[in-house]
Amino acid sequence: MENRIQQLRSDRRVTQQELADAVGVTRQTIISLENGRYNASLLLAHRLARYFGLAIEELFIFEEGLP
């Protein structure tokens, strides 16, 4: 699943570590999310969306028809 995390983080000049600390995960988790190797749990998606002040649907790109 694609997301806008790297773009939003870069726009706000937040490091991967700062974002990880803010949402309670490791820097490796943020790296994996940004590279599309990991899909966030609903709880993490909610935390990230709240951090950026967005709805989950604005942060994560859902494509209909995909499993």
Protein backbone atom coordinates (compact mmCIF):
# COMPACT_ATOMS: atom_id res chain seq x y z
CA MET A 1 0.00 0.00 0.00
CA GLU A 2 1.37 3.36 -0.95
CA ASN A 3 1.50 6.28 1.45
CA ARG A 4 2.56 9.91 1.70
CA ILE A 5 4.64 9.57 4.85
CA GLN A 6 8.03 10.39 3.33
CA GLN A 7 6.65 13.39 1.44
CA LEU A 8 4.86 14.82 4.49
CA ARG A 9 7.80 14.13 6.78
CA SER A 10 10.18 15.84 4.37
CA ASP A 11 7.85 18.83 3.90
CA ARG A 12 7.75 19.32 7.66
CA ARG A 13 11.49 18.71 8.06
CA VAL A 14 10.96 15.89 10.53
CA THR A 15 13.54 13.12 10.70
CA GLN A 16 12.61 9.46 10.58
CA GLN A 17 13.70 9.13 14.20
CA GLU A 18 11.60 12.10 15.32
CA LEU A 19 8.53 10.67 13.62
CA ALA A 20 9.21 7.22 15.05
CA ASP A 21 9.51 8.65 18.57
CA ALA A 22 6.30 10.64 18.15
CA VAL A 23 4.22 7.63 17.14
CA GLY A 24 5.94 5.02 19.31
CA VAL A 25 7.75 2.85 16.79
CA THR A 26 11.33 2.31 15.68
CA ARG A 27 13.10 4.21 12.95
CA GLN A 28 13.28 0.93 11.01
CA THR A 29 9.47 0.77 11.01
CA ILE A 30 9.27 4.26 9.48
CA ILE A 31 11.87 3.29 6.87
CA SER A 32 9.90 0.15 6.00
CA LEU A 33 6.65 2.10 5.73
CA GLU A 34 8.23 4.70 3.46
CA ASN A 35 9.70 2.01 1.23
CA GLY A 36 6.43 0.08 1.02
CA ARG A 37 7.85 -3.03 2.69
CA TYR A 38 5.48 -2.82 5.64
CA ASN A 39 1.79 -1.95 5.94
CA ALA A 40 0.83 -0.11 9.08
CA SER A 41 -1.58 -1.62 11.57
CA LEU A 42 -4.80 0.29 12.06
CA LEU A 43 -3.48 1.69 15.34
CA LEU A 44 -0.24 2.90 13.76
CA ALA A 45 -2.09 4.32 10.75
CA HIS A 46 -4.30 6.26 13.14
CA ARG A 47 -1.31 7.59 15.10
CA LEU A 48 0.46 8.68 11.91
CA ALA A 49 -2.65 10.36 10.53
CA ARG A 50 -3.19 12.25 13.79
CA TYR A 51 0.46 13.30 13.84
CA PHE A 52 0.13 14.85 10.38
CA GLY A 53 -3.38 16.20 11.05
CA LEU A 54 -4.91 14.14 8.25
CA ALA A 55 -7.52 11.45 7.80
CA ILE A 56 -6.08 7.97 7.32
CA GLU A 57 -7.44 8.03 3.74
CA GLU A 58 -5.37 11.16 3.04
CA LEU A 59 -2.17 9.55 4.30
CA PHE A 60 -2.52 6.07 2.83
CA ILE A 61 -3.44 5.41 -0.81
CA PHE A 62 -5.98 2.63 -1.07
CA GLU A 63 -6.51 1.06 -4.44
CA GLU A 64 -9.83 -0.68 -4.87
CA GLY A 65 -9.72 -4.17 -6.26
CA LEU A 66 -6.39 -5.05 -4.67
CA PRO A 67 -6.24 -7.71 -1.96
